[in-house]
Amino acid sequence: MVLKGSRDMTEPERRAESLKPVALKVLQSIEKISKSCVFKLTPTKLQFIVKDAADAGAQVWCMLPAAAAFDLDAYIIESAHRNEIFLEVPLTHLSRAFKSMAHAHAATIKLTRVPIAGPPAPPLPQPPASGTAPPPPAAAAAMMPVLAITISSESKSGRPLSIVHHVPVIPMRRAATAGLREPRIPASDVFIALPKPLGALKTVVERYSRMAAHVTISANHQGVLAISADGQVGQVETQFEGLVNPTL
């Protein structure tokens, strides 16, 4: 199983990455409903999968092109399972590493193993006295798989910085990945573009969440998106009009 990838950005690319860190926004959204996710890597795609968030009752299946995060000329995926790698990762660690990558000059990511941190190693044994058996060999240090993410950046004073994140991962066996399939979604009746800025929609939902346990979202082909809630004091509704019904 081999994973190597790098991202070396020119100045225009750096500005674009800073303005639109898509992968980071995805991770921060998933982090709100689950502590971990399955990180699937293929030669052309990156996927973030949450099969069943225990508390939120939600599933996540997000797919991004590998080119959105890596230089494909330096991106290598090799495995015995159709060149697909499945890793269970803690979202807090991965999100922190991707946040550091958002403004980096260059970044590399590699699947490797590192020694597990533990108590200090015992002192080296003294040479055996003449006629006594040599001591047994020291046990090898326990190793754990990690995503080693090396980030090249600079300080506020302009000094170069190199930051290394070791994100602990659990490589998943093929049998454990059999149930990870894209959920089937029924055909949609309406497609509608969300209002801009999205902060206005967030404000309405947050206000209604203090009034009722559930909100109802509806849309029509006339470009109207409605959000309503039934609370103890009555029913309230907000409508966003003049939205676009795209053809997908």
Protein backbone atom coordinates (compact mmCIF):
# COMPACT_ATOMS: atom_id res chain seq x y z
CA MET A 1 0.00 0.00 0.00
CA VAL A 2 1.63 3.25 -1.15
CA LEU A 3 0.40 6.83 -0.90
CA LYS A 4 2.53 9.79 -1.88
CA GLY A 5 1.34 13.22 -2.85
CA SER A 6 2.59 16.77 -3.01
CA ARG A 7 1.31 20.25 -3.61
CA ASP A 8 3.73 22.93 -4.81
CA MET A 9 1.85 26.12 -5.63
CA THR A 10 2.69 29.15 -7.70
CA GLU A 11 1.63 32.56 -6.37
CA PRO A 12 -1.71 32.68 -8.28
CA GLU A 13 -2.48 29.13 -7.16
CA ARG A 14 -1.68 30.08 -3.57
CA ARG A 15 -4.18 32.90 -3.68
CA ALA A 16 -6.84 30.61 -5.17
CA GLU A 17 -6.22 27.95 -2.52
CA SER A 18 -6.46 30.54 0.25
CA LEU A 19 -9.75 31.86 -1.10
CA LYS A 20 -11.34 28.47 -1.67
CA PRO A 21 -10.00 25.69 0.63
CA VAL A 22 -12.75 23.29 -0.43
CA ALA A 23 -11.36 20.20 1.30
CA LEU A 24 -10.95 22.09 4.57
CA LYS A 25 -14.54 23.36 4.46
CA VAL A 26 -15.77 19.82 3.80
CA LEU A 27 -13.81 18.45 6.77
CA GLN A 28 -15.03 21.20 9.10
CA SER A 29 -18.63 20.48 8.09
CA ILE A 30 -18.29 16.72 8.63
CA GLU A 31 -16.53 17.31 11.95
CA LYS A 32 -19.77 18.76 13.36
CA ILE A 33 -21.62 15.44 12.99
CA SER A 34 -18.91 12.80 13.46
CA LYS A 35 -15.58 12.31 15.22
CA SER A 36 -14.07 10.25 12.41
CA CYS A 37 -14.58 9.42 8.76
CA VAL A 38 -13.34 7.08 6.08
CA PHE A 39 -10.80 8.79 3.83
CA LYS A 40 -10.76 7.00 0.47
CA LEU A 41 -7.98 7.76 -2.01
CA THR A 42 -7.85 6.65 -5.63
CA PRO A 43 -5.57 7.79 -8.48
CA THR A 44 -8.15 10.40 -9.55
CA LYS A 45 -10.45 11.08 -6.57
CA LEU A 46 -10.57 11.81 -2.86
CA GLN A 47 -13.62 10.76 -0.88
CA PHE A 48 -14.80 11.51 2.65
CA ILE A 49 -17.36 9.01 3.91
CA VAL A 50 -19.42 8.82 7.09
CA LYS A 51 -21.59 5.75 6.91
CA ASP A 52 -23.73 6.52 9.95
CA ALA A 53 -23.19 9.41 12.34
CA ALA A 54 -24.51 7.95 15.60
CA ASP A 55 -25.92 11.16 17.09
CA ALA A 56 -26.84 13.11 13.96
CA GLY A 57 -28.60 10.33 12.03
CA ALA A 58 -26.83 11.46 8.87
CA GLN A 59 -24.59 10.00 6.19
CA VAL A 60 -21.86 11.75 4.23
CA TRP A 61 -20.54 10.83 0.80
CA CYS A 62 -18.31 13.59 -0.55
CA MET A 63 -16.13 13.24 -3.64
CA LEU A 64 -13.41 15.67 -4.80
CA PRO A 65 -10.97 15.40 -7.71
CA ALA A 66 -7.46 14.53 -6.54
CA ALA A 67 -6.18 17.52 -8.53
CA ALA A 68 -8.00 19.79 -6.06
CA ALA A 69 -5.43 18.88 -3.39
CA PHE A 70 -2.36 17.41 -5.13
CA ASP A 71 -0.11 17.81 -8.12
CA LEU A 72 -1.10 14.72 -10.11
CA ASP A 73 2.44 14.37 -11.51
CA ALA A 74 3.64 13.66 -7.95
CA TYR A 75 0.55 11.84 -6.71
CA ILE A 76 0.95 8.06 -6.43
CA ILE A 77 -1.64 5.57 -5.20
CA GLU A 78 -0.77 1.88 -5.19
CA SER A 79 -2.57 -0.94 -3.42
CA ALA A 80 -3.62 -4.51 -4.02
CA HIS A 81 -7.26 -3.39 -3.85
CA ARG A 82 -7.73 -1.81 -7.30
CA ASN A 83 -5.33 1.00 -6.37
CA GLU A 84 -7.78 2.22 -3.73
CA ILE A 85 -6.76 3.07 -0.17
CA PHE A 86 -9.31 3.27 2.66
CA LEU A 87 -8.22 4.93 5.90
CA GLU A 88 -10.23 5.59 9.03
CA VAL A 89 -9.07 8.98 10.29
CA PRO A 90 -9.93 11.24 13.25
CA LEU A 91 -11.46 14.39 11.82
CA THR A 92 -9.95 16.76 14.38
CA HIS A 93 -6.39 15.77 13.42
CA LEU A 94 -7.04 15.75 9.68
CA SER A 95 -8.89 19.08 9.76
CA ARG A 96 -6.02 20.69 11.68
CA ALA A 97 -3.50 19.44 9.11
CA PHE A 98 -5.58 20.63 6.13
CA LYS A 99 -6.00 24.02 7.80
CA SER A 100 -2.21 24.34 7.92
CA MET A 101 -2.03 23.34 4.23
CA ALA A 102 -4.48 26.05 3.15
CA HIS A 103 -1.83 28.81 3.13
CA ALA A 104 1.30 26.69 2.61
CA HIS A 105 3.88 27.24 -0.12
CA ALA A 106 4.16 23.48 -0.59
CA ALA A 107 2.90 20.35 1.13
CA THR A 108 3.59 16.63 0.89
CA ILE A 109 1.56 13.76 2.28
CA LYS A 110 2.74 10.20 2.75
CA LEU A 111 1.33 7.06 4.32
CA THR A 112 4.02 5.68 6.62
CA ARG A 113 4.65 4.22 10.08
CA VAL A 114 6.17 5.90 13.12
CA PRO A 115 7.12 4.55 16.55
CA ILE A 116 4.39 4.73 19.17
CA ALA A 117 5.30 7.24 21.86
CA GLY A 118 6.01 5.54 25.17
CA PRO A 119 8.27 5.58 28.22
CA PRO A 120 12.00 6.25 27.69
CA ALA A 121 14.03 3.34 26.43
CA PRO A 122 15.94 1.42 29.14
CA PRO A 123 19.71 1.91 29.34
CA LEU A 124 21.88 -0.20 27.08
CA PRO A 125 22.91 -3.52 28.70
CA GLN A 126 26.49 -3.91 29.87
CA PRO A 127 28.69 -6.48 28.12
CA PRO A 128 28.21 -9.93 29.70
CA ALA A 129 30.87 -11.25 32.04
CA SER A 130 33.04 -14.01 30.74
CA GLY A 131 31.25 -17.33 30.68
CA THR A 132 27.70 -15.91 30.93
CA ALA A 133 25.01 -15.95 28.27
CA PRO A 134 24.47 -12.70 26.29
CA PRO A 135 21.29 -10.73 27.09
CA PRO A 136 18.28 -11.24 24.84
CA PRO A 137 17.90 -8.75 21.96
CA ALA A 138 15.83 -5.64 22.69
CA ALA A 139 12.25 -5.77 21.48
CA ALA A 140 11.52 -3.69 18.39
CA ALA A 141 9.60 -0.47 18.97
CA ALA A 142 5.87 -0.72 18.27
CA MET A 143 4.86 1.16 15.12
CA MET A 144 1.60 2.81 14.10
CA PRO A 145 0.38 3.94 10.66
CA VAL A 146 0.06 7.69 10.09
CA LEU A 147 -0.44 10.20 7.34
CA ALA A 148 2.77 12.23 7.54
CA ILE A 149 1.91 15.68 6.20
CA THR A 150 4.91 17.99 5.75
CA ILE A 151 4.06 21.64 5.18
CA SER A 152 6.48 24.31 3.97
CA SER A 153 5.52 27.84 4.92
CA GLU A 154 7.04 30.97 6.41
CA SER A 155 6.72 32.97 9.61
CA LYS A 156 5.40 36.53 9.87
CA SER A 157 9.01 37.73 9.72
CA GLY A 158 9.61 35.80 6.50
CA ARG A 159 11.66 32.95 7.97
CA PRO A 160 11.02 29.54 6.36
CA LEU A 161 9.02 27.06 8.43
CA SER A 162 8.57 23.32 8.09
CA ILE A 163 5.66 21.77 9.97
CA VAL A 164 4.98 18.02 10.16
CA HIS A 165 1.60 16.60 11.15
CA HIS A 166 1.31 12.90 12.01
CA VAL A 167 -2.36 12.03 11.58
CA PRO A 168 -3.07 8.58 13.09
CA VAL A 169 -4.97 6.33 10.71
CA ILE A 170 -6.38 2.81 10.62
CA PRO A 171 -5.94 1.16 7.20
CA MET A 172 -9.13 -0.73 6.43
CA ARG A 173 -9.16 -4.27 5.12
CA ARG A 174 -11.04 -5.05 1.94
CA ALA A 175 -13.79 -6.94 3.75
CA ALA A 176 -14.48 -3.92 5.97
CA THR A 177 -14.99 -1.64 2.97
CA ALA A 178 -17.59 -3.81 1.23
CA GLY A 179 -20.49 -1.90 2.81
CA LEU A 180 -19.16 1.53 1.84
CA ARG A 181 -21.29 2.33 -1.17
CA GLU A 182 -22.69 5.59 -2.40
CA PRO A 183 -26.22 5.96 -1.00
CA ARG A 184 -29.05 5.82 -3.49
CA ILE A 185 -30.99 9.05 -3.65
CA PRO A 186 -34.45 9.13 -5.27
CA ALA A 187 -35.00 11.38 -8.27
CA SER A 188 -35.50 15.00 -7.26
CA ASP A 189 -38.73 16.87 -7.96
CA VAL A 190 -37.16 20.33 -7.79
CA PHE A 191 -33.67 21.78 -8.20
CA ILE A 192 -33.15 25.24 -6.74
CA ALA A 193 -30.08 27.40 -6.14
CA LEU A 194 -29.67 28.51 -2.52
CA PRO A 195 -29.92 32.21 -1.76
CA LYS A 196 -26.81 34.36 -1.43
CA PRO A 197 -25.27 35.14 0.90
CA LEU A 198 -25.75 31.78 2.59
CA GLY A 199 -25.41 33.50 5.94
CA ALA A 200 -28.98 34.75 5.57
CA LEU A 201 -30.24 31.17 5.29
CA LYS A 202 -28.14 30.12 8.30
CA THR A 203 -29.57 32.98 10.38
CA VAL A 204 -33.16 31.91 9.66
CA VAL A 205 -32.50 28.24 10.48
CA GLU A 206 -30.71 29.08 13.72
CA ARG A 207 -33.54 31.40 14.81
CA TYR A 208 -36.17 28.76 14.05
CA SER A 209 -34.18 26.05 15.84
CA ARG A 210 -34.79 27.94 19.10
CA MET A 211 -38.52 27.88 18.46
CA ALA A 212 -39.10 24.28 17.37
CA ALA A 213 -37.35 20.90 17.25
CA HIS A 214 -37.77 20.62 13.47
CA VAL A 215 -37.99 22.93 10.48
CA THR A 216 -39.66 22.24 7.14
CA ILE A 217 -37.88 23.17 3.91
CA SER A 218 -39.82 23.33 0.64
CA ALA A 219 -39.20 24.66 -2.87
CA ASN A 220 -41.08 25.01 -6.14
CA HIS A 221 -40.42 25.57 -9.83
CA GLN A 222 -41.17 29.30 -9.51
CA GLY A 223 -37.87 29.98 -7.72
CA VAL A 224 -39.28 30.08 -4.19
CA LEU A 225 -37.56 28.43 -1.23
CA ALA A 226 -39.57 28.35 2.01
CA ILE A 227 -38.47 27.50 5.55
CA SER A 228 -41.14 27.07 8.21
CA ALA A 229 -41.42 25.91 11.80
CA ASP A 230 -44.29 24.99 14.11
CA GLY A 231 -43.56 26.27 17.60
CA GLN A 232 -45.57 26.65 20.80
CA VAL A 233 -46.44 30.23 19.88
CA GLY A 234 -47.60 29.37 16.36
CA GLN A 235 -46.28 28.77 12.85
CA VAL A 236 -43.64 30.97 11.25
CA GLU A 237 -42.31 30.93 7.68
CA THR A 238 -39.64 32.71 5.66
CA GLN A 239 -39.59 32.71 1.86
CA PHE A 240 -36.68 33.41 -0.46
CA GLU A 241 -37.99 34.42 -3.88
CA GLY A 242 -36.45 34.98 -7.30
CA LEU A 243 -34.06 32.02 -7.02
CA VAL A 244 -32.81 30.01 -9.99
CA ASN A 245 -34.19 26.57 -10.88
CA PRO A 246 -31.21 25.03 -12.69
CA THR A 247 -31.49 22.16 -15.13
CA LEU A 248 -29.34 19.24 -13.97
